[in-house]
């Protein structure tokens, strides 16, 4: 999965935030819709798409969607 595809998959986990708000450099934890349920959805999506374990601590280390993508790539 490319970074652009990951950004789209990441955006799909949000119900109320428009897709155009998501870019590689988006600080996802600053989004109004971000919360513990969304974090769990992202963890589940990463597990399904990459078969890579990402934890809540991993999400807290990352500021942008690209940083999360790079972290996942390191785990593969």
N, C-alpha and C. Protein backbone atom coordinates (compact mmCIF):
# COMPACT_ATOMS: atom_id res chain seq x y z
N UNK A 1 0.85 -1.17 0.00
CA UNK A 1 0.00 0.00 0.00
C UNK A 1 0.89 1.24 0.00
N UNK A 2 0.59 2.14 -0.89
CA UNK A 2 1.36 3.39 -0.97
C UNK A 2 0.89 4.35 0.12
N UNK A 3 1.65 5.41 0.30
CA UNK A 3 1.27 6.43 1.28
C UNK A 3 -0.08 7.05 0.92
N UNK A 4 -0.30 7.35 -0.35
CA UNK A 4 -1.58 7.93 -0.77
C UNK A 4 -2.74 6.99 -0.48
N UNK A 5 -2.55 5.71 -0.73
CA UNK A 5 -3.60 4.73 -0.44
C UNK A 5 -3.85 4.64 1.06
N UNK A 6 -2.77 4.73 1.84
CA UNK A 6 -2.91 4.69 3.29
C UNK A 6 -3.69 5.90 3.79
N UNK A 7 -3.41 7.06 3.25
CA UNK A 7 -4.13 8.28 3.64
C UNK A 7 -5.63 8.10 3.37
N UNK A 8 -5.98 7.52 2.23
CA UNK A 8 -7.40 7.29 1.88
C UNK A 8 -8.03 6.28 2.83
N UNK A 9 -7.30 5.21 3.14
CA UNK A 9 -7.81 4.19 4.07
C UNK A 9 -7.97 4.78 5.46
N UNK A 10 -7.03 5.62 5.87
CA UNK A 10 -7.08 6.30 7.16
C UNK A 10 -8.32 7.18 7.21
N UNK A 11 -8.54 7.96 6.16
CA UNK A 11 -9.68 8.88 6.09
C UNK A 11 -11.01 8.12 6.14
N UNK A 12 -11.04 6.93 5.58
CA UNK A 12 -12.28 6.13 5.55
C UNK A 12 -12.73 5.72 6.94
N UNK A 13 -11.85 5.78 7.92
CA UNK A 13 -12.21 5.41 9.29
C UNK A 13 -12.94 6.53 10.03
N UNK A 14 -13.04 7.69 9.41
CA UNK A 14 -13.71 8.85 10.01
C UNK A 14 -15.06 9.03 9.33
N UNK A 15 -16.10 9.23 10.13
CA UNK A 15 -17.44 9.37 9.58
C UNK A 15 -17.79 10.79 9.18
N UNK A 16 -17.35 11.76 9.98
CA UNK A 16 -17.82 13.13 9.80
C UNK A 16 -16.78 14.11 9.25
N UNK A 17 -15.54 13.69 9.15
CA UNK A 17 -14.48 14.58 8.67
C UNK A 17 -14.32 14.37 7.16
N UNK A 18 -14.44 15.44 6.37
CA UNK A 18 -14.32 15.31 4.92
C UNK A 18 -12.95 14.74 4.50
N UNK A 19 -12.96 13.91 3.48
CA UNK A 19 -11.74 13.26 3.01
C UNK A 19 -10.66 14.27 2.61
N UNK A 20 -11.06 15.43 2.12
CA UNK A 20 -10.07 16.42 1.68
C UNK A 20 -9.29 16.99 2.86
N UNK A 21 -9.72 16.74 4.09
CA UNK A 21 -8.97 17.19 5.27
C UNK A 21 -7.77 16.30 5.57
N UNK A 22 -7.65 15.19 4.86
CA UNK A 22 -6.60 14.23 5.14
C UNK A 22 -5.50 14.31 4.09
N UNK A 23 -4.31 14.63 4.57
CA UNK A 23 -3.10 14.66 3.75
C UNK A 23 -2.03 13.91 4.53
N UNK A 24 -0.91 13.62 3.89
CA UNK A 24 0.17 12.90 4.58
C UNK A 24 0.65 13.67 5.80
N UNK A 25 0.62 15.01 5.73
CA UNK A 25 1.13 15.81 6.85
C UNK A 25 0.05 16.25 7.84
N UNK A 26 -1.14 15.66 7.74
CA UNK A 26 -2.22 15.97 8.68
C UNK A 26 -1.87 15.49 10.08
N UNK A 27 -2.01 16.36 11.06
CA UNK A 27 -1.82 15.99 12.46
C UNK A 27 -3.14 15.38 12.94
N UNK A 28 -3.21 14.07 12.80
CA UNK A 28 -4.50 13.39 12.96
C UNK A 28 -5.09 13.49 14.37
N UNK A 29 -4.28 13.58 15.39
CA UNK A 29 -4.82 13.67 16.75
C UNK A 29 -5.44 15.04 17.03
N UNK A 30 -5.21 16.01 16.15
CA UNK A 30 -5.81 17.33 16.30
C UNK A 30 -7.17 17.44 15.62
N UNK A 31 -7.57 16.40 14.90
CA UNK A 31 -8.87 16.41 14.24
C UNK A 31 -9.97 16.34 15.29
N UNK A 32 -11.03 17.09 15.09
CA UNK A 32 -12.13 17.14 16.05
C UNK A 32 -12.72 15.76 16.31
N UNK A 33 -12.78 14.93 15.30
CA UNK A 33 -13.40 13.61 15.41
C UNK A 33 -12.48 12.57 16.07
N UNK A 34 -11.20 12.89 16.26
CA UNK A 34 -10.26 11.93 16.83
C UNK A 34 -10.64 11.61 18.27
N UNK A 35 -10.60 10.34 18.58
CA UNK A 35 -10.88 9.89 19.94
C UNK A 35 -10.49 8.43 20.08
N UNK A 36 -10.79 7.86 21.23
CA UNK A 36 -10.37 6.49 21.50
C UNK A 36 -11.01 5.49 20.54
N UNK A 37 -12.27 5.71 20.17
CA UNK A 37 -12.91 4.77 19.23
C UNK A 37 -12.29 4.86 17.84
N UNK A 38 -11.96 6.06 17.42
CA UNK A 38 -11.30 6.22 16.12
C UNK A 38 -9.92 5.58 16.16
N UNK A 39 -9.21 5.73 17.27
CA UNK A 39 -7.89 5.11 17.41
C UNK A 39 -8.01 3.60 17.28
N UNK A 40 -9.02 3.02 17.91
CA UNK A 40 -9.23 1.57 17.79
C UNK A 40 -9.54 1.17 16.36
N UNK A 41 -10.31 2.00 15.66
CA UNK A 41 -10.61 1.73 14.25
C UNK A 41 -9.34 1.76 13.40
N UNK A 42 -8.46 2.71 13.67
CA UNK A 42 -7.20 2.80 12.93
C UNK A 42 -6.33 1.58 13.23
N UNK A 43 -6.24 1.19 14.50
CA UNK A 43 -5.46 0.00 14.86
C UNK A 43 -6.00 -1.23 14.15
N UNK A 44 -7.31 -1.38 14.11
CA UNK A 44 -7.94 -2.52 13.42
C UNK A 44 -7.67 -2.48 11.92
N UNK A 45 -7.77 -1.29 11.31
CA UNK A 45 -7.52 -1.14 9.87
C UNK A 45 -6.08 -1.52 9.55
N UNK A 46 -5.15 -1.08 10.37
CA UNK A 46 -3.73 -1.39 10.14
C UNK A 46 -3.51 -2.89 10.25
N UNK A 47 -4.14 -3.52 11.23
CA UNK A 47 -4.01 -4.96 11.40
C UNK A 47 -4.57 -5.70 10.19
N UNK A 48 -5.73 -5.26 9.70
CA UNK A 48 -6.36 -5.90 8.54
C UNK A 48 -5.56 -5.70 7.25
N UNK A 49 -5.11 -4.48 7.03
CA UNK A 49 -4.46 -4.14 5.76
C UNK A 49 -2.98 -4.54 5.71
N UNK A 50 -2.31 -4.49 6.85
CA UNK A 50 -0.87 -4.71 6.86
C UNK A 50 -0.44 -5.94 7.65
N UNK A 51 -1.37 -6.47 8.44
CA UNK A 51 -1.03 -7.56 9.35
C UNK A 51 0.14 -7.15 10.24
N UNK A 52 0.09 -5.90 10.68
CA UNK A 52 1.13 -5.34 11.54
C UNK A 52 0.48 -4.82 12.81
N UNK A 53 1.04 -5.17 13.94
CA UNK A 53 0.49 -4.73 15.20
C UNK A 53 0.90 -3.31 15.54
N UNK A 54 -0.08 -2.44 15.67
CA UNK A 54 0.16 -1.06 16.08
C UNK A 54 -0.58 -0.87 17.40
N UNK A 55 0.05 -0.24 18.34
CA UNK A 55 -0.54 -0.03 19.66
C UNK A 55 -0.97 1.42 19.85
N UNK A 56 -1.68 1.65 20.92
CA UNK A 56 -2.04 3.02 21.27
C UNK A 56 -0.80 3.86 21.51
N UNK A 57 0.22 3.24 22.10
CA UNK A 57 1.48 3.96 22.33
C UNK A 57 2.13 4.36 21.00
N UNK A 58 2.02 3.48 20.00
CA UNK A 58 2.55 3.81 18.66
C UNK A 58 1.82 5.02 18.10
N UNK A 59 0.49 5.05 18.25
CA UNK A 59 -0.29 6.19 17.75
C UNK A 59 0.11 7.47 18.46
N UNK A 60 0.37 7.39 19.76
CA UNK A 60 0.75 8.59 20.51
C UNK A 60 2.12 9.12 20.09
N UNK A 61 2.99 8.25 19.60
CA UNK A 61 4.32 8.67 19.15
C UNK A 61 4.26 9.44 17.84
N UNK A 62 3.24 9.18 17.06
CA UNK A 62 3.14 9.77 15.72
C UNK A 62 2.29 11.03 15.75
N UNK A 63 2.72 12.01 15.00
CA UNK A 63 1.97 13.26 14.90
C UNK A 63 1.17 13.30 13.60
N UNK A 64 1.77 12.82 12.52
CA UNK A 64 1.13 12.91 11.21
C UNK A 64 0.78 11.52 10.69
N UNK A 65 -0.07 11.49 9.69
CA UNK A 65 -0.44 10.24 9.04
C UNK A 65 0.80 9.61 8.41
N UNK A 66 1.66 10.42 7.83
CA UNK A 66 2.88 9.89 7.21
C UNK A 66 3.80 9.24 8.25
N UNK A 67 3.91 9.85 9.42
CA UNK A 67 4.74 9.24 10.47
C UNK A 67 4.19 7.87 10.87
N UNK A 68 2.88 7.75 10.96
CA UNK A 68 2.27 6.46 11.27
C UNK A 68 2.54 5.46 10.16
N UNK A 69 2.39 5.89 8.93
CA UNK A 69 2.66 5.02 7.77
C UNK A 69 4.11 4.53 7.82
N UNK A 70 5.05 5.42 8.08
CA UNK A 70 6.46 5.04 8.15
C UNK A 70 6.72 4.07 9.29
N UNK A 71 6.07 4.27 10.42
CA UNK A 71 6.20 3.35 11.54
C UNK A 71 5.72 1.96 11.17
N UNK A 72 4.60 1.90 10.48
CA UNK A 72 4.07 0.61 10.03
C UNK A 72 5.04 -0.06 9.07
N UNK A 73 5.60 0.72 8.15
CA UNK A 73 6.55 0.16 7.19
C UNK A 73 7.76 -0.44 7.91
N UNK A 74 8.20 0.19 8.99
CA UNK A 74 9.32 -0.33 9.76
C UNK A 74 8.99 -1.66 10.43
N UNK A 75 7.72 -1.86 10.77
CA UNK A 75 7.28 -3.08 11.45
C UNK A 75 7.10 -4.25 10.50
N UNK A 76 7.03 -3.97 9.21
CA UNK A 76 6.79 -5.06 8.23
C UNK A 76 8.05 -5.84 7.95
